[in-house]
Amino acid sequence: MNEINELIPTRQSLLSRLKDWNDQESWKVFFDTYWKLIYNAAVKAGLTDAEAQDVVQETVLSVLKNMPGFDYSAEKGSFKGWLLRLTSWRIVDQLRKRQKGIEVRNSEPQTSTKTGVLESMADPVGLRLEATWDEEWENNLMDAAIERVKRKVDPKHYQVFDLYVFKKWPVSKVARTLKVNPGRVYLIKHRIGNLIKTEITYLRTKPI
């Protein structure tokens, strides 16, 4: 899977479009937006790479199957919470498959007193999946804001910002390397920094 940074809260308009199973573009946007969020939550819940990828695929399929009947309502709960529940169920499915595999390999009798995988692990909430989900969501919010701003500004300006802010190059080195006035570096940093803050505010306040 290609790494996609634009992992953002779903817009209500996108939710409406997803009710049409034939809208392939919307499903592509959905997958590109949420696969990494689901994957990271699965890995942090203790799954392997292969298991986490299965969780991504099965969760997206669950969304596709249930989307036509999904009723957006802030009072009934957010899409974020609904997606979390679907993901947690798919994670439990993978743990069950793992448990069955262990039982088959060990060929243990039914009276075995050994603790199984599921019994030895807490439920998804006990695994702090909800806290992990919230943390990943916030990280994705920042990544989304940066990616959206990156698309809007001049590539060279973003390069100045990236080198100075993220890579922490000295102003003199940035100016010399990219052949810009040192004062220009400060102006670009201020402008793009404000754009990112504005984008984060927008993503945080608009309903999903």
Protein backbone atom coordinates (compact mmCIF):
# COMPACT_ATOMS: atom_id res chain seq x y z
CA MET A 1 0.00 0.00 0.00
CA ASN A 2 1.24 3.46 -0.85
CA GLU A 3 1.72 5.79 2.07
CA ILE A 4 -0.89 8.51 2.06
CA ASN A 5 -0.60 11.41 4.47
CA GLU A 6 -4.06 12.88 3.99
CA LEU A 7 -5.82 11.17 6.87
CA ILE A 8 -8.58 13.58 7.86
CA PRO A 9 -12.05 13.53 9.41
CA THR A 10 -14.69 12.55 6.87
CA ARG A 11 -16.86 15.36 5.58
CA GLN A 12 -20.62 14.89 5.71
CA SER A 13 -20.69 15.41 1.95
CA LEU A 14 -18.27 12.52 1.46
CA LEU A 15 -20.40 10.33 3.70
CA SER A 16 -23.37 11.05 1.48
CA ARG A 17 -21.41 10.17 -1.66
CA LEU A 18 -20.18 6.93 -0.11
CA LYS A 19 -23.76 5.68 0.01
CA ASP A 20 -23.38 5.13 -3.72
CA TRP A 21 -21.29 1.95 -3.98
CA ASN A 22 -20.44 2.82 -7.58
CA ASP A 23 -18.70 6.04 -6.65
CA GLN A 24 -15.20 4.62 -7.02
CA GLU A 25 -13.48 7.97 -6.59
CA SER A 26 -15.06 8.49 -3.18
CA TRP A 27 -14.02 5.04 -2.06
CA LYS A 28 -10.49 5.73 -3.21
CA VAL A 29 -10.47 8.96 -1.18
CA PHE A 30 -11.87 7.09 1.80
CA PHE A 31 -9.25 4.32 1.63
CA ASP A 32 -6.39 6.76 1.10
CA THR A 33 -7.66 8.82 4.01
CA TYR A 34 -8.24 6.13 6.60
CA TRP A 35 -6.13 3.04 5.90
CA LYS A 36 -3.11 4.26 7.85
CA LEU A 37 -5.22 5.29 10.84
CA ILE A 38 -6.80 1.81 10.97
CA TYR A 39 -3.46 0.09 10.35
CA ASN A 40 -1.61 1.96 13.11
CA ALA A 41 -4.40 1.27 15.62
CA ALA A 42 -4.27 -2.44 14.76
CA VAL A 43 -0.48 -2.63 15.13
CA LYS A 44 -0.61 -0.81 18.48
CA ALA A 45 -3.25 -3.33 19.59
CA GLY A 46 -0.61 -6.04 19.14
CA LEU A 47 -1.24 -7.32 15.63
CA THR A 48 1.43 -8.18 13.08
CA ASP A 49 1.86 -6.31 9.81
CA ALA A 50 -0.07 -8.97 7.88
CA GLU A 51 -2.85 -9.07 10.49
CA ALA A 52 -3.10 -5.28 10.54
CA GLN A 53 -3.38 -5.17 6.75
CA ASP A 54 -6.21 -7.71 6.97
CA VAL A 55 -7.90 -5.45 9.53
CA VAL A 56 -7.65 -2.53 7.10
CA GLN A 57 -9.21 -4.52 4.27
CA GLU A 58 -11.96 -6.04 6.40
CA THR A 59 -12.80 -2.72 8.06
CA VAL A 60 -13.09 -0.93 4.73
CA LEU A 61 -15.33 -3.73 3.47
CA SER A 62 -17.46 -3.37 6.60
CA VAL A 63 -17.79 0.35 5.98
CA LEU A 64 -18.77 -0.30 2.37
CA LYS A 65 -21.44 -2.79 3.41
CA ASN A 66 -22.86 -0.60 6.19
CA MET A 67 -22.46 2.82 4.60
CA PRO A 68 -25.82 2.83 2.78
CA GLY A 69 -27.56 2.62 6.15
CA PHE A 70 -25.27 4.99 8.04
CA ASP A 71 -27.20 7.93 9.44
CA TYR A 72 -24.98 10.92 10.19
CA SER A 73 -26.03 12.58 13.40
CA ALA A 74 -23.79 14.45 15.83
CA GLU A 75 -26.20 13.49 18.63
CA LYS A 76 -25.98 9.77 17.84
CA GLY A 77 -22.21 9.77 17.68
CA SER A 78 -19.48 10.70 15.25
CA PHE A 79 -18.23 8.80 12.26
CA LYS A 80 -14.91 8.69 14.07
CA GLY A 81 -16.48 6.62 16.87
CA TRP A 82 -18.36 4.39 14.45
CA LEU A 83 -15.18 3.63 12.51
CA LEU A 84 -13.41 2.87 15.79
CA ARG A 85 -16.04 0.27 16.66
CA LEU A 86 -15.78 -1.40 13.26
CA THR A 87 -11.99 -1.45 13.53
CA SER A 88 -12.05 -2.91 17.06
CA TRP A 89 -14.33 -5.74 15.92
CA ARG A 90 -11.98 -6.60 13.06
CA ILE A 91 -9.03 -6.58 15.47
CA VAL A 92 -10.85 -9.06 17.72
CA ASP A 93 -11.51 -11.22 14.64
CA GLN A 94 -7.77 -11.36 13.97
CA LEU A 95 -7.06 -12.31 17.59
CA ARG A 96 -9.59 -15.14 17.30
CA LYS A 97 -7.92 -16.39 14.12
CA ARG A 98 -4.55 -16.31 15.89
CA GLN A 99 -5.99 -18.26 18.82
CA LYS A 100 -7.39 -20.93 16.51
CA GLY A 101 -4.04 -21.25 14.80
CA ILE A 102 -2.29 -21.80 18.13
CA GLU A 103 -4.85 -24.41 19.16
CA VAL A 104 -4.41 -26.31 15.89
CA ARG A 105 -0.60 -26.27 16.12
CA ASN A 106 -0.56 -27.33 19.76
CA SER A 107 -3.39 -29.87 19.34
CA GLU A 108 -4.26 -29.36 22.96
CA PRO A 109 -7.28 -31.18 24.48
CA GLN A 110 -10.37 -29.19 25.37
CA THR A 111 -9.57 -29.61 29.07
CA SER A 112 -6.30 -27.67 28.79
CA THR A 113 -5.91 -25.09 31.55
CA LYS A 114 -3.57 -22.90 29.51
CA THR A 115 -4.78 -19.36 29.00
CA GLY A 116 -5.63 -18.59 25.38
CA VAL A 117 -4.67 -15.48 23.45
CA LEU A 118 -8.06 -13.82 23.81
CA GLU A 119 -8.40 -14.71 27.48
CA SER A 120 -4.93 -13.38 28.26
CA MET A 121 -5.61 -10.07 26.57
CA ALA A 122 -8.05 -7.37 27.55
CA ASP A 123 -10.82 -6.28 25.23
CA PRO A 124 -10.10 -3.48 22.69
CA VAL A 125 -10.89 -0.83 25.30
CA GLY A 126 -8.53 -2.57 27.74
CA LEU A 127 -5.88 -2.45 25.05
CA ARG A 128 -6.28 1.31 25.13
CA LEU A 129 -7.44 1.19 21.54
CA GLU A 130 -9.69 4.18 22.11
CA ALA A 131 -6.81 6.25 23.47
CA THR A 132 -4.60 5.08 20.61
CA TRP A 133 -7.32 6.00 18.14
CA ASP A 134 -7.63 9.52 19.55
CA GLU A 135 -3.87 9.98 19.45
CA GLU A 136 -3.62 8.71 15.87
CA TRP A 137 -6.57 10.90 14.86
CA GLU A 138 -4.82 13.99 16.19
CA ASN A 139 -1.58 13.07 14.42
CA ASN A 140 -3.50 12.55 11.21
CA LEU A 141 -5.16 15.93 11.66
CA MET A 142 -1.76 17.61 11.72
CA ASP A 143 -0.47 15.55 8.78
CA ALA A 144 -3.60 16.41 6.79
CA ALA A 145 -3.26 20.14 7.46
CA ILE A 146 0.39 20.11 6.42
CA GLU A 147 -0.32 18.12 3.27
CA ARG A 148 -3.21 20.38 2.25
CA VAL A 149 -1.14 23.52 2.77
CA LYS A 150 1.77 21.95 0.89
CA ARG A 151 -0.47 21.59 -2.17
CA LYS A 152 -1.52 25.24 -2.01
CA VAL A 153 1.78 27.06 -1.62
CA ASP A 154 4.73 27.55 -3.93
CA PRO A 155 6.93 24.38 -3.86
CA LYS A 156 10.06 26.40 -3.18
CA HIS A 157 8.38 28.23 -0.32
CA TYR A 158 7.35 24.94 1.23
CA GLN A 159 10.90 23.67 0.83
CA VAL A 160 12.14 26.71 2.75
CA PHE A 161 9.58 26.04 5.47
CA ASP A 162 10.40 22.32 5.63
CA LEU A 163 14.15 22.85 5.92
CA TYR A 164 13.84 25.59 8.51
CA VAL A 165 10.98 24.27 10.66
CA PHE A 166 11.01 20.48 10.32
CA LYS A 167 14.64 19.78 9.50
CA LYS A 168 15.80 22.64 11.75
CA TRP A 169 18.44 24.03 9.41
CA PRO A 170 19.93 27.39 10.43
CA VAL A 171 18.42 30.36 8.56
CA SER A 172 21.78 31.11 6.96
CA LYS A 173 22.07 27.59 5.56
CA VAL A 174 18.51 27.62 4.19
CA ALA A 175 19.06 31.02 2.59
CA ARG A 176 22.38 30.01 1.07
CA THR A 177 21.17 26.63 -0.22
CA LEU A 178 17.94 27.90 -1.76
CA LYS A 179 19.34 31.30 -2.75
CA VAL A 180 16.81 33.41 -0.85
CA ASN A 181 17.16 36.39 1.44
CA PRO A 182 17.37 35.41 5.15
CA GLY A 183 14.50 37.76 5.89
CA ARG A 184 12.44 35.90 3.32
CA VAL A 185 12.94 32.67 5.26
CA TYR A 186 11.32 34.21 8.33
CA LEU A 187 8.41 35.59 6.30
CA ILE A 188 7.76 32.23 4.63
CA LYS A 189 7.93 30.41 7.96
CA HIS A 190 5.40 32.82 9.48
CA ARG A 191 3.02 32.66 6.50
CA ILE A 192 3.00 28.88 6.08
CA GLY A 193 2.87 28.33 9.83
CA ASN A 194 -0.29 30.44 10.00
CA LEU A 195 -1.81 28.58 7.05
CA ILE A 196 -1.25 25.26 8.83
CA LYS A 197 -2.84 26.58 12.03
CA THR A 198 -5.83 27.83 10.05
CA GLU A 199 -6.19 24.48 8.31
CA ILE A 200 -6.07 22.59 11.62
CA THR A 201 -8.77 24.86 13.03
CA TYR A 202 -10.90 24.26 9.94
CA LEU A 203 -10.55 20.48 10.14
CA ARG A 204 -11.22 20.51 13.87
CA THR A 205 -14.37 22.64 13.78
CA LYS A 206 -16.12 21.41 10.66
CA PRO A 207 -18.61 18.59 11.34
CA ILE A 208 -17.83 15.16 10.00
